[in-house]
Amino acid sequence: MPDVRLASPQGRWILFTTVLGSGMALLDSTVVNVALPRIGEDLDADLAALQWTVNAYLVTLAGLILLGGALGDRFGRRRVFVVGVLWFAAASLLCGIAPNEGVLIAARALQGAGGALLTPGSLALIQASFHADDRGRAVGLWSGFGGIGAAVGPFLGGWLVDGPGWRWVFLINVPLALLCAPVAVRHVPESSGAEAKGRFDVLGAALGAVALALVTYALIGAGDGSPLVVVSAVAGLAAAVGFVLVEKRRPGPMMPLEIFTSRQFSAVNGVTLCVYAAFGGFFFLAALQLQVVVGWSALAAGTALLPTTALMLLLSARSGELADRIGPRLPLTVGPLLCAAGVLMMLRVGPGASYAVDVLPALLVLGLGMVALVAPLTASVLASVDTARAGLASGVNNAAARAAGLLAVAALPLLAGMGPEAFRQPERFDAAFDRAMLLCAGILVAGALLAAATVRRPAPGCRRTECRTHGSVAVPPLEADPRRGSSIA
């Protein structure tokens, strides 16, 4: 049984290590968007290359994150965590020295694979190491520090881009990893899942990642009209069908399909797809809009986006408590509608926009909507399945959110009519941004309608500390598997 106390020196070292490790991945997911315009200028990259700079990371992360949690259970959570930290650092170094867009995109895919080992391991180590009396507080501190990292990320990214250069957005991970890995080896106890046995679902993970990659390629390249785009789309759909068939027939699948027999679970994941698709597209395009059209520096653009994360950090716990009392249906209906209103308010953001008059009000409304929906969304996912499957449910929900975000980054520029050189043409980008915001708002309204029609009050006794903590605007909060003491989210 885990017996490390939070107040002990070893407990503080474990918390420091897990916060530092997960913080690397979290920082990377929040700072890269701010650096995109400068990356495009320096590498002479078009919009498609910038989309791939974001999505190559998300493809491998979303496709492999469930497998990463299973590897930790089998081979040791600390061991896999340390491998993930060092892998992530090596890929970050390759990103930082990339001579062209092709190398950068390949390195970002490798980074995502490292993140798939690192991200589930950080919370799993807390669950497996701390005494039961301290575990909830340790998770709360881990998530709180993660929220601070998310808030600092865009500011730090902007400062690095305007200062030493965009390459340091990636290179900063190297010294952090060189600090994190030795501390983990020295101070974090090893643990594994006693019930972790059987074969790994490598084929399922590979098919899922390939399907995401091919569909993403088809969406990004659809404007070219190339036969390769059609082939990629067909092959991607075939890989997706293959993934479903493998998961249906395989003993011990990565994602057991019977979990979707719960109508509530399927409905809440449908809401997840809607809201996180809108969030992914919004944050990708907003950072570009503020720099390309409004003309702000990377630092100013990154700092401008802080209010959403600050509101999430300050108010998510209270939102979870409110949803416990009134049920999730109203928050999951009102929240997306508030987000849609905030997104529509961004239509005011154009050349010469004022932060106080145009940008800040939109971000405050968007942030309040996110506060209203995120914690109840996660709690509803966990309440829709048996307790023994809470970790699996959270993992599927996180993977769905990441997949929705990457597909939105791929599809929105296409649907909004952004050409390959749009981010170098402020007037054209501004017009396309407005169309994209209308699409994001429509997706959010669809999510609100789905929640109103399908979400019901969960059964009593489903509340968990992890449900009400939140560290990133990119994905739902993480939840550990209470049966195995590990996180597969």
Protein backbone atom coordinates (compact mmCIF):
# COMPACT_ATOMS: atom_id res chain seq x y z
CA MET A 1 0.00 0.00 0.00
CA PRO A 2 1.29 3.53 -0.75
CA ASP A 3 2.40 5.23 2.46
CA VAL A 4 4.36 8.38 1.53
CA ARG A 5 3.05 11.42 3.39
CA LEU A 6 2.76 14.72 1.58
CA ALA A 7 4.51 16.66 4.36
CA SER A 8 7.58 14.42 4.25
CA PRO A 9 10.71 15.35 2.24
CA GLN A 10 10.08 12.42 -0.11
CA GLY A 11 6.47 13.51 -0.58
CA ARG A 12 7.57 17.01 -1.58
CA TRP A 13 10.10 15.56 -4.02
CA ILE A 14 7.43 13.34 -5.61
CA LEU A 15 5.10 16.30 -6.02
CA PHE A 16 7.91 18.44 -7.45
CA THR A 17 8.88 15.73 -9.95
CA THR A 18 5.38 15.06 -11.21
CA VAL A 19 4.54 18.76 -11.50
CA LEU A 20 7.79 19.42 -13.38
CA GLY A 21 7.31 16.48 -15.74
CA SER A 22 3.69 17.14 -16.60
CA GLY A 23 4.46 20.87 -16.70
CA MET A 24 6.81 20.35 -19.64
CA ALA A 25 4.06 18.81 -21.74
CA LEU A 26 1.53 21.39 -20.56
CA LEU A 27 3.81 24.33 -21.31
CA ASP A 28 4.53 22.93 -24.75
CA SER A 29 0.84 22.68 -25.57
CA THR A 30 0.21 26.30 -24.58
CA VAL A 31 3.27 28.12 -25.93
CA VAL A 32 3.52 26.72 -29.46
CA ASN A 33 0.44 28.53 -30.82
CA VAL A 34 1.98 31.88 -29.90
CA ALA A 35 5.17 30.99 -31.78
CA LEU A 36 3.50 29.93 -35.04
CA PRO A 37 3.76 33.21 -37.00
CA ARG A 38 7.48 33.50 -36.25
CA ILE A 39 8.04 29.84 -37.14
CA GLY A 40 6.31 30.45 -40.47
CA GLU A 41 8.51 33.45 -41.21
CA ASP A 42 11.77 31.82 -40.17
CA LEU A 43 11.22 28.50 -41.98
CA ASP A 44 9.28 30.01 -44.90
CA ALA A 45 6.41 27.67 -44.05
CA ASP A 46 2.82 27.93 -45.27
CA LEU A 47 -0.35 27.60 -43.21
CA ALA A 48 -0.50 23.84 -43.74
CA ALA A 49 2.94 23.44 -42.18
CA LEU A 50 1.82 25.50 -39.18
CA GLN A 51 -1.24 23.29 -38.81
CA TRP A 52 0.99 20.23 -38.85
CA THR A 53 3.29 21.81 -36.27
CA VAL A 54 0.34 21.66 -33.89
CA ASN A 55 -1.30 18.48 -35.12
CA ALA A 56 1.71 16.19 -35.49
CA TYR A 57 2.07 16.40 -31.71
CA LEU A 58 -1.62 15.83 -31.08
CA VAL A 59 -1.89 12.86 -33.46
CA THR A 60 0.68 10.75 -31.64
CA LEU A 61 -0.36 11.97 -28.20
CA ALA A 62 -4.07 11.23 -28.71
CA GLY A 63 -3.39 7.93 -30.46
CA LEU A 64 -0.90 6.55 -27.92
CA ILE A 65 -1.86 8.02 -24.55
CA LEU A 66 -4.01 5.06 -23.46
CA LEU A 67 -1.20 2.69 -24.42
CA GLY A 68 1.25 4.85 -22.45
CA GLY A 69 -0.76 4.37 -19.27
CA ALA A 70 -0.88 0.61 -19.81
CA LEU A 71 2.90 0.46 -20.33
CA GLY A 72 3.42 2.19 -17.00
CA ASP A 73 1.19 -0.33 -15.25
CA ARG A 74 3.13 -3.23 -16.73
CA PHE A 75 6.77 -2.11 -16.71
CA GLY A 76 6.77 0.34 -13.83
CA ARG A 77 5.25 3.79 -13.64
CA ARG A 78 8.44 5.55 -12.63
CA ARG A 79 10.44 3.82 -15.34
CA VAL A 80 8.00 4.73 -18.10
CA PHE A 81 7.65 8.26 -16.71
CA VAL A 82 11.42 8.79 -16.82
CA VAL A 83 11.63 7.33 -20.33
CA GLY A 84 8.84 9.72 -21.36
CA VAL A 85 10.64 12.71 -19.84
CA LEU A 86 13.91 11.93 -21.62
CA TRP A 87 12.13 11.08 -24.89
CA PHE A 88 10.20 14.34 -24.71
CA ALA A 89 13.42 16.26 -24.08
CA ALA A 90 15.25 14.63 -26.99
CA ALA A 91 12.34 15.39 -29.33
CA SER A 92 12.21 18.96 -28.01
CA LEU A 93 15.91 19.37 -28.79
CA LEU A 94 15.27 18.16 -32.33
CA CYS A 95 12.40 20.67 -32.63
CA GLY A 96 14.67 23.45 -31.44
CA ILE A 97 17.40 22.77 -33.99
CA ALA A 98 15.09 21.82 -36.89
CA PRO A 99 16.50 23.27 -40.13
CA ASN A 100 13.20 23.09 -42.00
CA GLU A 101 9.49 22.48 -41.57
CA GLY A 102 9.71 18.76 -42.38
CA VAL A 103 12.15 18.05 -39.56
CA LEU A 104 10.11 20.20 -37.17
CA ILE A 105 6.89 18.32 -37.94
CA ALA A 106 8.59 14.93 -37.56
CA ALA A 107 10.11 16.03 -34.26
CA ARG A 108 6.72 17.23 -33.04
CA ALA A 109 5.29 13.76 -33.75
CA LEU A 110 8.10 12.24 -31.68
CA GLN A 111 7.35 14.77 -28.96
CA GLY A 112 3.74 13.59 -28.86
CA ALA A 113 4.87 9.99 -28.42
CA GLY A 114 7.03 11.07 -25.47
CA GLY A 115 4.08 12.98 -24.07
CA ALA A 116 1.95 9.83 -24.28
CA LEU A 117 4.41 8.14 -21.90
CA LEU A 118 4.86 11.18 -19.69
CA THR A 119 1.35 12.59 -19.26
CA PRO A 120 -0.47 9.58 -17.73
CA GLY A 121 2.56 8.71 -15.63
CA SER A 122 2.64 11.98 -13.71
CA LEU A 123 -0.73 11.51 -12.00
CA ALA A 124 -0.25 7.75 -11.77
CA LEU A 125 2.85 8.28 -9.61
CA ILE A 126 0.87 10.45 -7.21
CA GLN A 127 -1.90 7.89 -6.94
CA ALA A 128 0.54 5.03 -6.46
CA SER A 129 2.89 6.77 -3.98
CA PHE A 130 0.90 8.84 -1.50
CA HIS A 131 -0.98 7.67 1.55
CA ALA A 132 -4.75 7.61 1.00
CA ASP A 133 -5.26 10.44 3.50
CA ASP A 134 -2.96 12.74 1.50
CA ARG A 135 -3.80 11.64 -2.03
CA GLY A 136 -6.68 14.06 -2.65
CA ARG A 137 -4.63 17.06 -1.47
CA ALA A 138 -1.64 15.93 -3.53
CA VAL A 139 -3.79 15.66 -6.65
CA GLY A 140 -5.26 19.10 -5.93
CA LEU A 141 -1.78 20.62 -5.58
CA TRP A 142 -0.60 18.85 -8.74
CA SER A 143 -3.53 20.22 -10.70
CA GLY A 144 -3.22 23.68 -9.15
CA PHE A 145 0.43 23.98 -10.07
CA GLY A 146 -0.49 22.68 -13.52
CA GLY A 147 -3.01 25.51 -13.78
CA ILE A 148 -0.32 28.02 -12.90
CA GLY A 149 1.85 26.49 -15.62
CA ALA A 150 -0.99 26.82 -18.11
CA ALA A 151 -1.44 30.46 -17.14
CA VAL A 152 2.27 31.20 -17.45
CA GLY A 153 2.67 29.28 -20.72
CA PRO A 154 1.43 31.85 -23.27
CA PHE A 155 3.26 34.66 -21.46
CA LEU A 156 6.49 32.64 -21.34
CA GLY A 157 6.08 31.60 -24.97
CA GLY A 158 5.59 35.18 -26.09
CA TRP A 159 8.61 36.34 -24.10
CA LEU A 160 10.79 33.60 -25.60
CA VAL A 161 9.61 34.26 -29.15
CA ASP A 162 10.21 38.01 -28.89
CA GLY A 163 13.46 37.52 -27.00
CA PRO A 164 15.89 34.65 -27.69
CA GLY A 165 13.64 33.26 -30.45
CA TRP A 166 10.97 30.65 -31.12
CA ARG A 167 13.43 27.76 -30.92
CA TRP A 168 13.69 28.29 -27.18
CA VAL A 169 10.01 27.42 -26.86
CA PHE A 170 11.23 23.85 -27.39
CA LEU A 171 14.80 24.03 -26.08
CA ILE A 172 13.63 25.11 -22.62
CA ASN A 173 12.35 21.56 -22.09
CA VAL A 174 15.88 20.12 -22.16
CA PRO A 175 17.20 21.56 -18.86
CA LEU A 176 13.83 20.88 -17.21
CA ALA A 177 14.06 17.22 -18.21
CA LEU A 178 17.68 16.95 -17.06
CA LEU A 179 16.49 18.14 -13.66
CA CYS A 180 13.32 16.04 -13.54
CA ALA A 181 14.68 12.61 -14.54
CA PRO A 182 17.41 12.25 -11.86
CA VAL A 183 15.06 13.50 -9.13
CA ALA A 184 12.47 10.92 -10.19
CA VAL A 185 15.02 8.09 -10.12
CA ARG A 186 16.31 9.12 -6.70
CA HIS A 187 13.14 10.07 -4.83
CA VAL A 188 10.07 8.48 -6.49
CA PRO A 189 9.25 4.88 -5.52
CA GLU A 190 8.65 2.40 -8.30
CA SER A 191 5.19 0.88 -8.65
CA SER A 192 3.23 -1.18 -11.12
CA GLY A 193 -0.26 -2.59 -11.55
CA ALA A 194 -0.71 -6.00 -9.95
CA GLU A 195 -3.49 -6.79 -12.42
CA ALA A 196 -1.61 -5.51 -15.48
CA LYS A 197 -1.17 -8.62 -17.59
CA GLY A 198 -1.95 -9.89 -21.06
CA ARG A 199 -0.91 -8.50 -24.42
CA PHE A 200 -0.72 -4.82 -25.20
CA ASP A 201 -3.17 -3.48 -27.75
CA VAL A 202 -0.42 -2.12 -29.98
CA LEU A 203 -2.42 -2.77 -33.14
CA GLY A 204 -5.38 -0.79 -31.82
CA ALA A 205 -3.15 2.13 -30.80
CA ALA A 206 -1.40 2.10 -34.18
CA LEU A 207 -4.66 2.01 -36.14
CA GLY A 208 -6.09 4.86 -34.08
CA ALA A 209 -3.02 7.04 -34.62
CA VAL A 210 -2.86 6.21 -38.35
CA ALA A 211 -6.55 7.01 -38.81
CA LEU A 212 -6.12 10.39 -37.12
CA ALA A 213 -2.99 11.16 -39.15
CA LEU A 214 -4.51 10.27 -42.52
CA VAL A 215 -7.79 12.10 -41.94
CA THR A 216 -5.86 15.13 -40.70
CA TYR A 217 -3.67 15.03 -43.80
CA ALA A 218 -6.74 14.87 -46.03
CA LEU A 219 -8.38 17.84 -44.28
CA ILE A 220 -5.27 20.02 -44.37
CA GLY A 221 -4.52 19.21 -48.00
CA ALA A 222 -8.12 19.20 -49.28
CA GLY A 223 -7.74 22.60 -50.90
CA ASP A 224 -5.09 21.26 -53.29
CA GLY A 225 -7.42 18.81 -55.03
CA SER A 226 -4.64 16.24 -55.15
CA PRO A 227 -5.50 12.56 -55.74
CA LEU A 228 -3.29 11.79 -52.73
CA VAL A 229 -5.76 13.69 -50.54
CA VAL A 230 -8.61 11.43 -51.65
CA VAL A 231 -6.48 8.33 -51.10
CA SER A 232 -5.54 9.57 -47.61
CA ALA A 233 -9.16 10.24 -46.72
CA VAL A 234 -10.28 6.77 -47.83
CA ALA A 235 -7.33 5.09 -46.12
CA GLY A 236 -7.97 7.08 -42.94
CA LEU A 237 -11.60 6.01 -42.83
CA ALA A 238 -10.55 2.42 -43.50
CA ALA A 239 -8.06 2.60 -40.61
CA ALA A 240 -10.82 3.97 -38.37
CA VAL A 241 -13.09 1.05 -39.31
CA GLY A 242 -10.19 -1.32 -38.69
CA PHE A 243 -9.67 0.24 -35.26
CA VAL A 244 -13.31 -0.37 -34.34
CA LEU A 245 -13.16 -3.98 -35.54
CA VAL A 246 -9.93 -4.68 -33.65
CA GLU A 247 -11.28 -3.16 -30.44
CA LYS A 248 -14.50 -5.16 -30.82
CA ARG A 249 -12.84 -8.55 -31.31
CA ARG A 250 -9.62 -8.28 -29.35
CA PRO A 251 -9.43 -9.65 -25.77
CA GLY A 252 -8.32 -6.86 -23.45
CA PRO A 253 -8.68 -3.99 -25.97
CA MET A 254 -7.30 -0.52 -25.38
CA MET A 255 -10.81 0.92 -25.65
CA PRO A 256 -13.55 -1.64 -24.92
CA LEU A 257 -16.49 -0.63 -27.10
CA GLU A 258 -19.06 -1.89 -24.64
CA ILE A 259 -18.39 1.19 -22.55
CA PHE A 260 -20.39 3.10 -25.16
CA THR A 261 -23.50 1.07 -24.35
CA SER A 262 -24.05 3.66 -21.64
CA ARG A 263 -26.18 6.29 -23.38
CA GLN A 264 -25.07 8.90 -20.88
CA PHE A 265 -21.38 8.16 -21.54
CA SER A 266 -21.87 8.39 -25.31
CA ALA A 267 -23.88 11.60 -24.99
CA VAL A 268 -21.34 13.33 -22.76
CA ASN A 269 -18.53 12.35 -25.10
CA GLY A 270 -20.56 13.86 -27.94
CA VAL A 271 -20.67 17.12 -25.98
CA THR A 272 -16.92 16.76 -25.40
CA LEU A 273 -16.27 16.47 -29.13
CA CYS A 274 -18.25 19.64 -29.80
CA VAL A 275 -16.79 21.88 -27.12
CA TYR A 276 -13.16 20.81 -27.45
CA ALA A 277 -13.27 21.02 -31.22
CA ALA A 278 -14.36 24.64 -30.81
CA PHE A 279 -11.71 25.30 -28.15
CA GLY A 280 -8.93 23.76 -30.23
CA GLY A 281 -9.84 25.78 -33.31
CA PHE A 282 -10.33 28.98 -31.33
CA PHE A 283 -6.99 29.00 -29.52
CA PHE A 284 -5.11 28.03 -32.68
CA LEU A 285 -6.59 30.87 -34.72
CA ALA A 286 -6.86 33.51 -31.98
CA ALA A 287 -3.09 33.58 -31.40
CA LEU A 288 -2.60 34.10 -35.15
CA GLN A 289 -5.33 36.75 -35.39
CA LEU A 290 -3.83 38.87 -32.63
CA GLN A 291 -0.41 38.85 -34.31
CA VAL A 292 -1.22 38.75 -38.02
CA VAL A 293 -4.23 41.10 -38.09
CA VAL A 294 -4.12 43.18 -34.92
CA GLY A 295 -0.34 43.50 -35.18
CA TRP A 296 0.60 42.64 -31.62
CA SER A 297 3.87 41.04 -30.60
CA ALA A 298 4.03 37.39 -29.56
CA LEU A 299 4.35 38.47 -25.93
CA ALA A 300 1.29 40.71 -26.14
CA ALA A 301 -0.74 38.02 -27.90
CA GLY A 302 0.23 35.38 -25.35
CA THR A 303 -0.53 37.62 -22.41
CA ALA A 304 -3.87 38.61 -23.92
CA LEU A 305 -5.13 35.02 -23.70
CA LEU A 306 -4.42 34.65 -19.97
CA PRO A 307 -7.91 35.51 -18.63
CA THR A 308 -9.49 32.23 -19.76
CA THR A 309 -6.91 30.13 -17.94
CA ALA A 310 -6.98 32.40 -14.87
CA LEU A 311 -10.74 32.02 -14.59
CA MET A 312 -10.46 28.25 -14.95
CA LEU A 313 -7.82 28.12 -12.23
CA LEU A 314 -9.79 30.29 -9.80
CA LEU A 315 -13.35 29.07 -10.28
CA SER A 316 -13.39 25.45 -11.56
CA ALA A 317 -13.63 23.96 -8.06
CA ARG A 318 -16.70 26.09 -7.25
CA SER A 319 -18.23 25.15 -10.57
CA GLY A 320 -17.84 21.47 -9.68
CA GLU A 321 -19.49 22.05 -6.31
CA LEU A 322 -22.41 23.87 -7.95
CA ALA A 323 -22.90 21.03 -10.44
CA ASP A 324 -22.95 18.58 -7.53
CA ARG A 325 -25.96 20.44 -6.11
CA ILE A 326 -27.98 21.22 -9.24
CA GLY A 327 -26.83 18.46 -11.60
CA PRO A 328 -24.75 18.76 -14.77
CA ARG A 329 -27.47 19.35 -17.34
CA LEU A 330 -27.85 23.09 -16.81
CA PRO A 331 -24.09 23.86 -16.62
CA LEU A 332 -23.44 21.74 -19.72
CA THR A 333 -26.14 23.65 -21.56
CA VAL A 334 -25.39 27.17 -20.37
CA GLY A 335 -21.60 26.77 -20.49
CA PRO A 336 -21.30 26.13 -24.24
CA LEU A 337 -23.79 28.92 -24.94
CA LEU A 338 -21.65 31.37 -22.95
CA CYS A 339 -18.59 30.13 -24.83
CA ALA A 340 -20.41 30.66 -28.13
CA ALA A 341 -21.22 34.23 -27.08
CA GLY A 342 -17.57 34.85 -26.22
CA VAL A 343 -16.43 33.44 -29.55
CA LEU A 344 -18.91 35.65 -31.43
CA MET A 345 -17.63 38.69 -29.52
CA MET A 346 -14.22 37.97 -31.08
CA LEU A 347 -15.72 39.15 -34.38
CA ARG A 348 -14.97 42.66 -33.07
CA VAL A 349 -11.25 41.88 -33.00
CA GLY A 350 -9.66 43.30 -36.15
CA PRO A 351 -7.08 45.89 -37.21
CA GLY A 352 -6.55 48.43 -34.45
CA ALA A 353 -8.56 46.44 -31.90
CA SER A 354 -8.43 47.56 -28.29
CA TYR A 355 -7.62 44.95 -25.68
CA ALA A 356 -9.87 46.45 -22.99
CA VAL A 357 -12.84 47.09 -25.30
CA ASP A 358 -12.67 44.27 -27.84
CA VAL A 359 -10.50 41.37 -26.68
CA LEU A 360 -10.86 41.20 -22.90
CA PRO A 361 -14.69 41.12 -22.75
CA ALA A 362 -14.79 38.26 -25.26
CA LEU A 363 -12.21 36.24 -23.33
CA LEU A 364 -13.97 36.83 -20.01
CA VAL A 365 -17.28 35.55 -21.37
CA LEU A 366 -15.52 32.59 -22.99
CA GLY A 367 -13.67 31.84 -19.75
CA LEU A 368 -16.86 31.92 -17.69
CA GLY A 369 -18.46 29.49 -20.10
CA MET A 370 -15.49 27.16 -19.80
CA VAL A 371 -15.66 27.39 -16.01
CA ALA A 372 -19.33 26.43 -16.13
CA LEU A 373 -18.89 23.33 -18.28
CA VAL A 374 -15.47 21.71 -17.78
CA ALA A 375 -15.71 20.28 -14.25
CA PRO A 376 -19.34 19.08 -14.68
CA LEU A 377 -18.37 17.51 -18.00
CA THR A 378 -15.66 15.38 -16.41
CA ALA A 379 -17.86 14.48 -13.44
CA SER A 380 -20.62 13.38 -15.83
CA VAL A 381 -18.22 11.16 -17.75
CA LEU A 382 -17.12 9.44 -14.54
CA ALA A 383 -20.68 9.11 -13.22
CA SER A 384 -21.92 7.46 -16.42
CA VAL A 385 -19.92 4.24 -15.89
CA ASP A 386 -19.16 1.84 -13.04
CA THR A 387 -16.53 3.01 -10.57
CA ALA A 388 -14.16 0.28 -11.73
CA ARG A 389 -14.12 1.87 -15.18
CA ALA A 390 -13.63 5.48 -14.11
CA GLY A 391 -10.02 5.53 -15.33
CA LEU A 392 -10.97 4.07 -18.71
CA ALA A 393 -13.85 6.53 -19.06
CA SER A 394 -11.59 9.48 -18.31
CA GLY A 395 -8.94 8.19 -20.71
CA VAL A 396 -11.44 7.86 -23.54
CA ASN A 397 -12.83 11.32 -22.78
CA ASN A 398 -9.36 12.89 -22.84
CA ALA A 399 -8.48 11.12 -26.08
CA ALA A 400 -11.77 12.31 -27.62
CA ALA A 401 -11.04 15.89 -26.59
CA ARG A 402 -7.54 15.82 -28.08
CA ALA A 403 -8.78 14.21 -31.29
CA ALA A 404 -11.52 16.82 -31.59
CA GLY A 405 -8.98 19.62 -31.17
CA LEU A 406 -6.59 18.32 -33.79
CA LEU A 407 -9.36 17.71 -36.33
CA ALA A 408 -10.64 21.23 -35.74
CA VAL A 409 -7.18 22.69 -36.35
CA ALA A 410 -7.08 20.71 -39.60
CA ALA A 411 -10.62 21.45 -40.80
CA LEU A 412 -11.40 25.02 -39.71
CA PRO A 413 -8.94 26.79 -42.04
CA LEU A 414 -10.33 24.72 -44.93
CA LEU A 415 -13.96 25.46 -44.06
CA ALA A 416 -13.20 29.14 -43.48
CA GLY A 417 -11.44 29.50 -46.83
CA MET A 418 -7.92 30.18 -45.59
CA GLY A 419 -5.34 29.72 -48.32
CA PRO A 420 -1.76 28.51 -47.80
CA GLU A 421 -0.46 32.09 -47.49
CA ALA A 422 -3.39 33.48 -45.51
CA PHE A 423 -1.35 34.24 -42.40
CA ARG A 424 0.87 36.53 -44.50
CA GLN A 425 -2.17 38.48 -45.80
CA PRO A 426 -3.88 40.26 -42.88
CA GLU A 427 -7.07 41.27 -44.73
CA ARG A 428 -7.75 37.78 -46.05
CA PHE A 429 -6.90 36.18 -42.73
CA ASP A 430 -9.24 38.58 -40.89
CA ALA A 431 -12.18 37.69 -43.13
CA ALA A 432 -11.47 33.96 -42.80
CA PHE A 433 -11.09 34.29 -39.03
CA ASP A 434 -14.59 35.76 -38.79
CA ARG A 435 -16.00 32.81 -40.74
CA ALA A 436 -14.11 30.40 -38.49
CA MET A 437 -15.52 32.04 -35.36
CA LEU A 438 -19.03 31.62 -36.70
CA LEU A 439 -18.31 27.93 -37.24
CA CYS A 440 -16.88 27.56 -33.72
CA ALA A 441 -19.94 29.24 -32.25
CA GLY A 442 -22.21 26.91 -34.21
CA ILE A 443 -20.34 23.85 -32.91
CA LEU A 444 -20.70 25.12 -29.34
CA VAL A 445 -24.44 25.70 -29.78
CA ALA A 446 -24.73 22.14 -31.11
CA GLY A 447 -22.97 20.90 -27.98
CA ALA A 448 -25.37 22.87 -25.78
CA LEU A 449 -28.41 21.43 -27.56
CA LEU A 450 -27.00 17.91 -27.27
CA ALA A 451 -26.42 18.40 -23.53
CA ALA A 452 -29.92 19.79 -22.99
CA ALA A 453 -31.46 16.81 -24.79
CA THR A 454 -29.38 13.95 -23.39
CA VAL A 455 -27.52 14.72 -20.14
CA ARG A 456 -29.17 13.56 -16.93
CA ARG A 457 -28.31 13.91 -13.24
CA PRO A 458 -25.75 11.25 -12.20
CA ALA A 459 -26.31 8.75 -9.44
CA PRO A 460 -25.27 9.87 -5.93
CA GLY A 461 -21.77 9.19 -4.65
CA CYS A 462 -19.76 9.91 -7.80
CA ARG A 463 -17.93 12.97 -6.53
CA ARG A 464 -14.13 12.93 -6.57
CA THR A 465 -11.57 15.61 -5.88
CA GLU A 466 -10.07 15.07 -9.33
CA CYS A 467 -13.38 15.92 -10.98
CA ARG A 468 -13.16 19.48 -9.76
CA THR A 469 -9.54 20.30 -10.54
CA HIS A 470 -8.33 21.62 -13.83
CA GLY A 471 -4.95 22.57 -15.23
CA SER A 472 -5.36 23.16 -18.94
CA VAL A 473 -7.87 24.67 -21.32
CA ALA A 474 -6.89 22.13 -23.96
CA VAL A 475 -8.32 18.95 -22.44
CA PRO A 476 -10.55 17.81 -19.57
CA PRO A 477 -9.03 17.21 -16.12
CA LEU A 478 -7.21 13.95 -15.58
CA GLU A 479 -8.72 11.19 -13.46
CA ALA A 480 -6.93 8.16 -12.06
CA ASP A 481 -8.16 4.60 -12.28
CA PRO A 482 -9.34 3.86 -8.70
CA ARG A 483 -9.03 0.12 -9.26
CA ARG A 484 -5.40 0.14 -10.36
CA GLY A 485 -4.22 3.40 -8.81
CA SER A 486 -3.01 4.69 -12.15
CA SER A 487 -3.97 7.31 -14.64
CA ILE A 488 -4.75 6.28 -18.17
CA ALA A 489 -6.01 9.70 -19.18
